Protein backbone atom coordinates (compact mmCIF):
# COMPACT_ATOMS: atom_id res chain seq x y z
CA UNK A 1 0.00 0.00 0.00
CA UNK A 2 1.30 3.45 -0.88
CA UNK A 3 0.54 4.82 2.61
CA UNK A 4 1.87 1.96 4.74
CA UNK A 5 5.02 3.82 5.89
CA UNK A 6 4.75 5.42 9.34
CA UNK A 7 6.62 8.66 9.93
CA UNK A 8 9.44 8.36 12.52
CA UNK A 9 8.17 11.29 14.61
CA UNK A 10 5.14 9.27 15.66
CA UNK A 11 7.16 6.33 16.87
CA UNK A 12 8.01 8.56 19.82
CA UNK A 13 5.36 8.49 22.53
CA UNK A 14 4.51 11.14 25.10
CA UNK A 15 6.81 9.27 27.49
CA UNK A 16 9.68 10.91 25.61
CA UNK A 17 10.61 14.26 27.17
CA UNK A 18 11.83 17.06 24.93
CA UNK A 19 14.02 19.23 27.14
CA UNK A 20 13.82 22.11 24.65
CA UNK A 21 10.45 23.10 26.07
CA UNK A 22 11.99 24.16 29.37
CA UNK A 23 13.33 27.28 27.66
CA UNK A 24 10.11 28.07 25.81
CA UNK A 25 7.22 27.55 28.21
CA UNK A 26 6.79 27.60 32.01
CA UNK A 27 6.90 23.98 33.10
CA UNK A 28 4.80 22.48 35.84
CA UNK A 29 6.76 22.12 39.07
CA UNK A 30 6.77 18.44 39.95
CA UNK A 31 8.38 16.77 42.98
CA UNK A 32 8.20 13.24 44.35
CA UNK A 33 8.33 13.26 48.13
CA UNK A 34 10.27 10.70 50.14
CA UNK A 35 6.95 9.01 50.92
CA UNK A 36 6.33 8.44 47.20
CA UNK A 37 3.54 11.02 46.80
CA UNK A 38 3.84 13.21 43.69
CA UNK A 39 3.29 16.93 44.30
CA UNK A 40 2.78 19.15 41.25
CA UNK A 41 1.74 22.76 40.82
CA UNK A 42 1.03 25.17 38.02
CA UNK A 43 1.03 28.65 39.52
CA UNK A 44 -1.04 31.44 38.02
CA UNK A 45 -1.76 34.90 39.37
CA UNK A 46 -5.26 35.24 40.77
CA UNK A 47 -7.40 34.89 43.85
CA UNK A 48 -8.44 31.23 43.59
CA UNK A 49 -6.73 27.87 43.64
CA UNK A 50 -7.75 24.29 42.93
CA UNK A 51 -6.23 21.52 45.01
CA UNK A 52 -6.83 17.92 44.04
CA UNK A 53 -5.78 14.51 45.22
CA UNK A 54 -5.75 11.99 42.39
CA UNK A 55 -5.59 8.30 43.26
CA UNK A 56 -4.45 5.82 40.65
CA UNK A 57 -7.39 3.48 41.05
CA UNK A 58 -10.80 3.08 39.47
CA UNK A 59 -13.07 0.38 38.10
CA UNK A 60 -10.25 -0.71 35.77
CA UNK A 61 -8.27 -1.85 38.81
CA UNK A 62 -11.13 -3.89 40.27
CA UNK A 63 -12.03 -7.56 40.15
CA UNK A 64 -15.38 -9.11 39.29
CA UNK A 65 -16.01 -9.55 43.02
CA UNK A 66 -15.35 -5.95 44.13
CA UNK A 67 -16.33 -4.07 40.94
CA UNK A 68 -17.92 -0.77 41.95
CA UNK A 69 -16.02 -0.31 45.20
CA UNK A 70 -13.90 2.65 44.00
CA UNK A 71 -17.04 4.60 43.11
CA UNK A 72 -18.78 3.52 46.31
CA UNK A 73 -15.83 4.69 48.39
CA UNK A 74 -16.01 8.10 46.71
CA UNK A 75 -19.64 8.34 47.89
CA UNK A 76 -18.53 7.76 51.48
CA UNK A 77 -15.84 10.44 51.34
CA UNK A 78 -17.99 13.29 52.61
CA UNK A 79 -19.87 11.39 55.33
CA UNK A 80 -17.55 12.40 58.12
CA UNK A 81 -14.13 11.66 59.59
CA UNK A 82 -12.75 11.08 63.08
CA UNK A 83 -12.06 14.84 63.13
CA UNK A 84 -15.09 16.29 61.32
CA UNK A 85 -18.72 15.28 61.11
CA UNK A 86 -20.58 15.41 57.80
CA UNK A 87 -22.19 18.68 58.87
CA UNK A 88 -18.85 20.17 59.91
CA UNK A 89 -17.30 19.27 56.55
CA UNK A 90 -20.13 20.94 54.67
CA UNK A 91 -20.11 24.00 56.93
CA UNK A 92 -16.34 24.43 56.72
CA UNK A 93 -16.36 24.39 52.92
CA UNK A 94 -19.40 26.69 52.78
CA UNK A 95 -17.81 29.21 55.16
CA UNK A 96 -14.73 29.35 52.91
CA UNK A 97 -16.91 30.02 49.88
CA UNK A 98 -15.32 26.99 48.26
CA UNK A 99 -16.44 23.81 46.56
CA UNK A 100 -15.54 20.20 47.26
CA UNK A 101 -16.19 17.45 44.73
CA UNK A 102 -15.12 13.95 43.82
CA UNK A 103 -15.51 11.62 40.85
CA UNK A 104 -14.44 8.17 39.76
CA UNK A 105 -13.39 7.01 36.31
CA UNK A 106 -12.19 3.66 35.03
CA UNK A 107 -8.61 4.53 36.00
CA UNK A 108 -8.67 7.28 38.65
CA UNK A 109 -10.50 8.59 41.67
CA UNK A 110 -10.29 12.37 42.08
CA UNK A 111 -11.02 14.58 45.09
CA UNK A 112 -10.86 18.28 44.30
CA UNK A 113 -11.41 21.53 46.20
CA UNK A 114 -11.63 25.03 44.77
CA UNK A 115 -10.95 27.78 47.32
CA UNK A 116 -9.58 31.29 47.73
CA UNK A 117 -5.81 31.43 47.93
CA UNK A 118 -5.78 32.14 51.67
CA UNK A 119 -7.71 28.89 52.27
CA UNK A 120 -5.29 26.51 50.53
CA UNK A 121 -4.04 25.22 53.90
CA UNK A 122 -7.58 24.41 55.01
CA UNK A 123 -8.33 22.68 51.69
CA UNK A 124 -5.29 20.41 52.00
CA UNK A 125 -6.23 19.63 55.62
CA UNK A 126 -9.77 18.66 54.60
CA UNK A 127 -8.65 16.51 51.68
CA UNK A 128 -6.02 14.72 53.77
CA UNK A 129 -8.58 14.16 56.52
CA UNK A 130 -11.07 12.62 54.09
CA UNK A 131 -8.53 10.26 52.55
CA UNK A 132 -6.95 9.13 55.81
CA UNK A 133 -9.57 9.37 58.52
CA UNK A 134 -13.01 8.74 57.03
CA UNK A 135 -15.19 6.76 59.47
CA UNK A 136 -17.02 4.50 57.00
CA UNK A 137 -19.89 4.21 59.46
CA UNK A 138 -22.05 1.10 58.78
CA UNK A 139 -25.15 3.33 58.82
CA UNK A 140 -23.66 5.54 56.11
CA UNK A 141 -22.68 2.47 54.10
CA UNK A 142 -26.25 1.18 54.22
CA UNK A 143 -27.63 4.57 53.25
CA UNK A 144 -25.21 5.03 50.35
CA UNK A 145 -26.09 1.64 48.92
CA UNK A 146 -29.57 3.02 48.27
CA UNK A 147 -28.11 6.22 46.81
CA UNK A 148 -25.82 4.34 44.40
CA UNK A 149 -28.59 1.98 43.33
CA UNK A 150 -30.80 4.98 42.51
CA UNK A 151 -27.87 6.51 40.62
CA UNK A 152 -27.59 3.27 38.66
CA UNK A 153 -31.24 3.56 37.66
CA UNK A 154 -30.60 7.08 36.37
CA UNK A 155 -27.47 6.01 34.48
CA UNK A 156 -29.43 3.22 32.80
CA UNK A 157 -31.99 5.79 31.66
CA UNK A 158 -29.27 7.87 30.00
CA UNK A 159 -28.85 6.26 26.60
CA UNK A 160 -25.32 7.63 26.04
CA UNK A 161 -23.95 6.26 29.33
CA UNK A 162 -25.95 3.05 28.95
CA UNK A 163 -24.55 2.39 25.48
CA UNK A 164 -20.96 3.30 26.44
CA UNK A 165 -21.04 0.90 29.38
CA UNK A 166 -22.12 -1.91 27.08
CA UNK A 167 -19.56 -0.86 24.49
CA UNK A 168 -16.76 -1.22 27.05
CA UNK A 169 -18.16 -4.57 28.15
CA UNK A 170 -17.98 -6.09 24.67
CA UNK A 171 -14.90 -4.23 23.38
CA UNK A 172 -12.79 -5.10 26.45
CA UNK A 173 -14.39 -8.41 27.38
CA UNK A 174 -12.27 -10.47 29.74
CA UNK A 175 -10.59 -7.45 31.36
CA UNK A 176 -11.53 -5.08 34.16
CA UNK A 177 -11.69 -2.18 31.70
CA UNK A 178 -14.95 -3.73 30.54
CA UNK A 179 -16.52 -3.31 33.99
CA UNK A 180 -18.92 -0.46 34.72
CA UNK A 181 -17.82 2.25 37.13
CA UNK A 182 -20.82 1.76 39.40
CA UNK A 183 -20.55 -2.04 39.45
CA UNK A 184 -23.38 -4.60 39.47
CA UNK A 185 -26.27 -4.40 41.94
CA UNK A 186 -25.18 -7.59 43.72
CA UNK A 187 -21.77 -6.14 44.54
CA UNK A 188 -23.20 -2.86 45.80
CA UNK A 189 -25.60 -4.65 48.11
CA UNK A 190 -22.78 -6.79 49.55
CA UNK A 191 -20.16 -4.10 50.27
CA UNK A 192 -19.01 -4.11 53.90
CA UNK A 193 -16.92 -1.82 56.05
CA UNK A 194 -14.21 -4.47 56.24
CA UNK A 195 -14.04 -4.76 52.47
CA UNK A 196 -13.90 -0.99 52.06
CA UNK A 197 -11.08 -0.59 54.60
CA UNK A 198 -9.14 -3.40 52.91
CA UNK A 199 -9.56 -1.67 49.54
CA UNK A 200 -8.35 1.67 50.96
CA UNK A 201 -5.29 0.03 52.52
CA UNK A 202 -4.50 -1.69 49.22
CA UNK A 203 -4.97 1.19 46.79
CA UNK A 204 -4.86 4.49 48.69
CA UNK A 205 -1.09 4.33 49.05
CA UNK A 206 1.55 7.01 48.56
CA UNK A 207 2.95 5.54 45.36
CA UNK A 208 -0.52 5.79 43.77
CA UNK A 209 -1.30 9.37 44.80
CA UNK A 210 -0.62 12.79 43.33
CA UNK A 211 -1.42 16.04 45.15
CA UNK A 212 -1.88 18.77 42.58
CA UNK A 213 -2.42 22.52 42.80
CA UNK A 214 -3.34 25.07 40.13
CA UNK A 215 -3.83 28.81 40.33
CA UNK A 216 -2.79 30.84 43.36
CA UNK A 217 -0.66 28.16 44.97
CA UNK A 218 3.03 27.96 45.90
CA UNK A 219 4.85 24.73 45.12
CA UNK A 220 7.15 24.62 48.13
CA UNK A 221 4.25 25.41 50.42
CA UNK A 222 2.09 22.64 48.96
CA UNK A 223 5.00 20.23 49.36
CA UNK A 224 5.34 21.17 53.02
CA UNK A 225 1.59 20.83 53.58
CA UNK A 226 1.54 17.41 51.94
CA UNK A 227 4.46 16.21 54.03
CA UNK A 228 2.72 17.50 57.16
CA UNK A 229 -0.81 16.28 56.48
CA UNK A 230 -0.46 12.99 54.58
CA UNK A 231 1.27 10.95 57.28
CA UNK A 232 -1.07 7.98 57.78
CA UNK A 233 -0.90 6.42 54.33
CA UNK A 234 1.11 3.32 53.49
CA UNK A 235 3.90 3.92 51.02
CA UNK A 236 2.87 0.88 48.99
CA UNK A 237 1.01 -2.40 49.31
CA UNK A 238 1.26 -6.01 48.09
CA UNK A 239 -1.56 -5.14 45.69
CA UNK A 240 0.99 -3.30 43.54
CA UNK A 241 2.41 -6.67 42.52
CA UNK A 242 -0.97 -8.03 41.37
CA UNK A 243 -1.71 -7.76 37.68
CA UNK A 244 -5.09 -7.87 35.97
CA UNK A 245 -5.68 -9.23 32.45
CA UNK A 246 -4.56 -6.85 29.71
CA UNK A 247 -7.34 -4.90 28.05
CA UNK A 248 -7.32 -5.88 24.39
CA UNK A 249 -9.82 -4.44 21.94
CA UNK A 250 -12.29 -6.97 20.55
CA UNK A 251 -14.63 -6.35 17.63
CA UNK A 252 -18.17 -7.38 18.59
CA UNK A 253 -21.85 -6.44 18.27
CA UNK A 254 -24.67 -6.10 20.80
CA UNK A 255 -28.27 -5.05 20.14
CA UNK A 256 -30.18 -3.84 23.22
CA UNK A 257 -33.95 -3.67 22.90
CA UNK A 258 -34.93 -0.76 25.14
CA UNK A 259 -37.34 2.15 25.33
CA UNK A 260 -35.07 4.47 27.32
CA UNK A 261 -34.85 6.94 24.44
CA UNK A 262 -37.33 8.31 21.92
CA UNK A 263 -34.95 7.68 19.01
CA UNK A 264 -32.85 4.66 18.16
CA UNK A 265 -29.25 5.08 19.23
CA UNK A 266 -25.96 3.44 18.44
CA UNK A 267 -22.20 3.56 18.98
CA UNK A 268 -19.56 2.47 16.47
CA UNK A 269 -16.01 2.15 17.82
CA UNK A 270 -12.56 1.06 16.72
CA UNK A 271 -9.33 0.42 18.61
CA UNK A 272 -7.97 3.74 19.83
CA UNK A 273 -4.70 4.71 21.50
CA UNK A 274 -3.37 4.92 25.03
CA UNK A 275 -2.70 8.27 26.73
CA UNK A 276 1.03 8.02 26.05
CA UNK A 277 0.86 6.61 22.53
CA UNK A 278 2.46 8.48 19.66
CA UNK A 279 -0.80 7.86 17.75
CA UNK A 280 -2.84 9.92 20.19
CA UNK A 281 -2.44 13.23 18.32
CA UNK A 282 -3.18 11.83 14.83
CA UNK A 283 -6.31 10.16 16.22
CA UNK A 284 -7.37 13.41 17.88
CA UNK A 285 -6.99 15.14 14.52
CA UNK A 286 -9.14 12.43 12.91
CA UNK A 287 -11.76 12.69 15.63
CA UNK A 288 -11.85 16.45 15.17
CA UNK A 289 -12.26 16.33 11.40
CA UNK A 290 -15.09 13.80 11.74
CA UNK A 291 -16.76 16.20 14.16
CA UNK A 292 -20.50 16.25 14.85
CA UNK A 293 -23.77 16.60 13.03
CA UNK A 294 -27.07 17.73 14.56
CA UNK A 295 -30.16 17.97 12.37
CA UNK A 296 -31.78 20.36 14.84
CA UNK A 297 -29.07 23.02 14.58
CA UNK A 298 -30.13 25.80 12.23
CA UNK A 299 -26.72 26.42 10.71
CA UNK A 300 -25.03 26.09 7.34
CA UNK A 301 -23.52 22.89 6.04
CA UNK A 302 -19.95 24.17 6.33
CA UNK A 303 -20.07 23.87 10.12
CA UNK A 304 -20.14 20.11 9.82
CA UNK A 305 -17.22 17.94 8.82
CA UNK A 306 -17.13 16.02 5.56
CA UNK A 307 -17.69 12.61 7.13
CA UNK A 308 -20.50 13.58 9.49
CA UNK A 309 -22.25 15.58 6.80
CA UNK A 310 -21.84 12.92 4.10
CA UNK A 311 -23.24 10.24 6.39
CA UNK A 312 -26.22 12.41 7.34
CA UNK A 313 -26.85 13.48 3.73
CA UNK A 314 -27.19 9.88 2.59
CA UNK A 315 -29.38 8.93 5.57
CA UNK A 316 -32.24 11.48 5.81
CA UNK A 317 -33.58 10.08 9.09
CA UNK A 318 -30.22 10.44 10.83
CA UNK A 319 -30.64 13.09 13.52
CA UNK A 320 -27.22 13.26 15.11
CA UNK A 321 -23.65 12.02 14.77
CA UNK A 322 -21.00 12.71 17.39
CA UNK A 323 -17.38 11.60 17.21
CA UNK A 324 -15.49 10.62 20.37
CA UNK A 325 -12.13 9.40 21.55
CA UNK A 326 -11.50 7.72 24.90
CA UNK A 327 -8.02 6.81 26.10
CA UNK A 328 -6.70 4.66 28.92
CA UNK A 329 -3.30 3.60 30.22
CA UNK A 330 -2.74 0.82 27.66
CA UNK A 331 -5.49 1.19 25.05
CA UNK A 332 -8.44 3.31 23.94
CA UNK A 333 -11.54 3.71 21.78
CA UNK A 334 -12.25 5.98 18.84
CA UNK A 335 -15.50 6.23 16.89
CA UNK A 336 -18.86 7.94 16.83
CA UNK A 337 -22.37 7.72 18.22
CA UNK A 338 -25.55 8.25 16.23
CA UNK A 339 -29.29 8.63 16.65
CA UNK A 340 -31.97 8.00 14.07
CA UNK A 341 -35.69 7.43 13.62
CA UNK A 342 -34.98 4.37 11.48
CA UNK A 343 -35.63 0.90 12.88
CA UNK A 344 -33.33 -0.63 10.27
CA UNK A 345 -29.95 1.04 10.84
CA UNK A 346 -27.96 -1.17 8.48
CA UNK A 347 -27.60 1.50 5.80
CA UNK A 348 -26.52 4.12 8.34
CA UNK A 349 -23.93 1.79 9.90
CA UNK A 350 -22.75 0.79 6.43
CA UNK A 351 -22.29 4.42 5.41
CA UNK A 352 -20.28 5.17 8.55
CA UNK A 353 -18.01 2.12 8.32
CA UNK A 354 -17.39 2.77 4.62
CA UNK A 355 -16.53 6.40 5.38
CA UNK A 356 -14.08 5.36 8.09
CA UNK A 357 -12.42 2.73 5.90
CA UNK A 358 -12.11 5.16 2.96
CA UNK A 359 -10.80 8.13 4.97
CA UNK A 360 -7.23 7.34 3.93
CA UNK A 361 -8.27 7.71 0.30
CA UNK A 362 -10.63 10.71 0.52
CA UNK A 363 -8.98 13.11 2.96
CA UNK A 364 -7.29 16.23 1.63
CA UNK A 365 -4.62 18.56 2.97
CA UNK A 366 -7.32 21.15 3.57
CA UNK A 367 -9.38 18.69 5.67
CA UNK A 368 -6.37 17.97 7.87
CA UNK A 369 -5.41 21.64 8.18
CA UNK A 370 -8.90 22.67 9.33
CA UNK A 371 -9.02 19.85 11.87
CA UNK A 372 -5.61 20.83 13.26
CA UNK A 373 -6.72 24.42 13.85
CA UNK A 374 -9.89 23.27 15.61
CA UNK A 375 -7.94 20.81 17.74
CA UNK A 376 -5.51 23.53 18.86
CA UNK A 377 -8.41 25.72 19.97
CA UNK A 378 -9.89 22.82 21.90
CA UNK A 379 -6.55 22.04 23.56
CA UNK A 380 -6.07 25.68 24.58
CA UNK A 381 -9.44 25.65 26.35
CA UNK A 382 -8.34 22.64 28.40
CA UNK A 383 -5.52 24.77 29.84
CA UNK A 384 -7.89 27.53 30.93
CA UNK A 385 -9.37 27.55 34.46
CA UNK A 386 -7.83 26.21 37.66
CA UNK A 387 -10.14 23.20 38.05
CA UNK A 388 -9.71 21.70 34.55
CA UNK A 389 -5.96 22.41 34.71
CA UNK A 390 -5.76 20.66 38.07
CA UNK A 391 -7.69 17.62 36.84
CA UNK A 392 -5.73 17.33 33.59
CA UNK A 393 -2.38 17.80 35.31
CA UNK A 394 -3.10 15.00 37.77
CA UNK A 395 -4.28 12.63 35.05
CA UNK A 396 -1.17 13.28 32.97
CA UNK A 397 1.15 12.72 35.93
CA UNK A 398 -0.39 9.33 36.67
CA UNK A 399 -0.77 8.13 33.08
CA UNK A 400 2.07 9.73 31.11
CA UNK A 401 4.35 10.42 34.06
CA UNK A 402 4.69 14.16 33.38
CA UNK A 403 2.75 17.29 32.49
CA UNK A 404 2.71 17.94 28.76
CA UNK A 405 3.18 21.66 27.95
CA UNK A 406 0.57 23.21 25.69
CA UNK A 407 3.29 24.25 23.23
CA UNK A 408 4.37 20.62 22.92
CA UNK A 409 0.80 19.65 22.04
CA UNK A 410 0.77 22.39 19.40
CA UNK A 411 4.11 21.22 17.96
CA UNK A 412 2.91 17.62 17.80
CA UNK A 413 -0.28 18.76 16.07
CA UNK A 414 1.76 20.81 13.58
CA UNK A 415 3.85 17.73 12.81
CA UNK A 416 0.77 15.81 11.67
CA UNK A 417 0.37 15.88 7.91
CA UNK A 418 -1.86 14.12 5.40
CA UNK A 419 0.43 11.10 5.16
CA UNK A 420 0.45 10.59 8.93
CA UNK A 421 -3.35 10.80 9.09
CA UNK A 422 -3.69 8.36 6.19
CA UNK A 423 -1.32 5.87 7.84
CA UNK A 424 -3.25 6.13 11.11
CA UNK A 425 -6.58 5.60 9.33
CA UNK A 426 -5.25 2.45 7.65
CA UNK A 427 -4.01 0.99 10.94
CA UNK A 428 -7.25 1.64 12.81
CA UNK A 429 -10.11 1.56 10.30
CA UNK A 430 -9.11 -0.69 7.39
CA UNK A 431 -9.46 -4.50 7.52
CA UNK A 432 -10.51 -4.29 11.16
CA UNK A 433 -13.63 -5.37 13.03
CA UNK A 434 -15.42 -2.58 14.93
CA UNK A 435 -17.35 -2.83 18.18
CA UNK A 436 -20.99 -1.80 17.80
CA UNK A 437 -23.83 -1.28 20.26
CA UNK A 438 -27.38 -0.36 19.22
CA UNK A 439 -30.15 0.66 21.62
CA UNK A 440 -33.88 0.98 21.02
CA UNK A 441 -36.29 -0.72 18.66
CA UNK A 442 -33.53 -1.72 16.26
CA UNK A 443 -33.41 -4.67 13.88
CA UNK A 444 -30.47 -7.00 14.41
CA UNK A 445 -27.47 -6.28 12.21
CA UNK A 446 -25.46 -8.89 10.35
CA UNK A 447 -22.09 -8.45 12.03
CA UNK A 448 -20.22 -10.60 9.52
CA UNK A 449 -21.50 -8.34 6.75
CA UNK A 450 -20.39 -5.25 8.69
CA UNK A 451 -16.86 -6.59 8.88
CA UNK A 452 -16.64 -6.82 5.08
CA UNK A 453 -17.28 -3.07 4.74
CA UNK A 454 -13.92 -2.14 6.23
CA UNK A 455 -11.98 -4.11 3.65
CA UNK A 456 -10.32 -2.49 0.67
């Protein structure tokens, strides 16, 4: 094939550090304490700061037996500690005029506070108290089981989340990355205080934690606070030596008959790239040029990308197309979701798979250039605001091992040309079996036939 040669620049992953950036952009200050905790800051003049504690654990680190425990533990975080009651926690944050939140993903659990700069000490004290001294009262555990089960009901009514959970289950079957974040009902009902404490002792260890600050925060001061406050955590645990099955992408199909949405819905996905992969940027460019289509937006055709618009134009009942990319430590997903009034979605799925498989032949320099400009704008927005900066910095530290400067992202985007995009399209979309989930009153698809559409 004329486009089978990969450019050398993309054999280098984000794990490679280019020291030239130290003279061009202000780098994140990053220190590993003697305990093993990573402390990182990105100072910016202003009145507010975000302080987060990111723990390298999520549903992707769980087993079939304890799946859902990372998310359940996050729910218990604000129920009170040996030092503060639930009411005192809420009152303390409210009196500071701050916010305190937490969320769980498949790979991380994040606790984050946004406060005024003179309350950074209090924020670190509260976060350290929650992580080290939460009571995990049996009454709170019982109560939160009901809360999580009600949350599960709501998630299963959200067609996008419902479909993505099933997509992960079939695309990463046989690995923990295929588990849902909330876990199955049986597990939630059987969680005990002993099991929760064991999980905390196994995964809330210094070598899995990063304390990150963005905004009006001083690096040396945050280091001192972390050394002072985080003193009850184990440095590591035997769990670090346990390995779970590798998450390998599997092409598969699942049709879910459901009335949770007015329109029929589907997700088409291919193997993506890990956070540190050299293919991440080319795939982001591809995802950007595919873009979105929404039939209800009263705008001109030029807003939509070629692929999204071509698919919609040949399928009049298609109401929306939305591209996505999801990355993890060792793998990822890239593809698009769609909604339609059609019961028979074969033609729509065929059009999409044919468009993906022919991208390497149809893309132009102008397509790639437009996508690169849009991607840069999107990247710049991710570096704006103390909370998103804090979250992104912590994720990068735990997945890539360092903070990637915005200028480096721009340079990597600039290095992508038409040949690189074509090579990436061939590797991911040609002669490969996608993972597909459909939801609603949808006729079964012939998966073997679908797989022939990606062949050249």
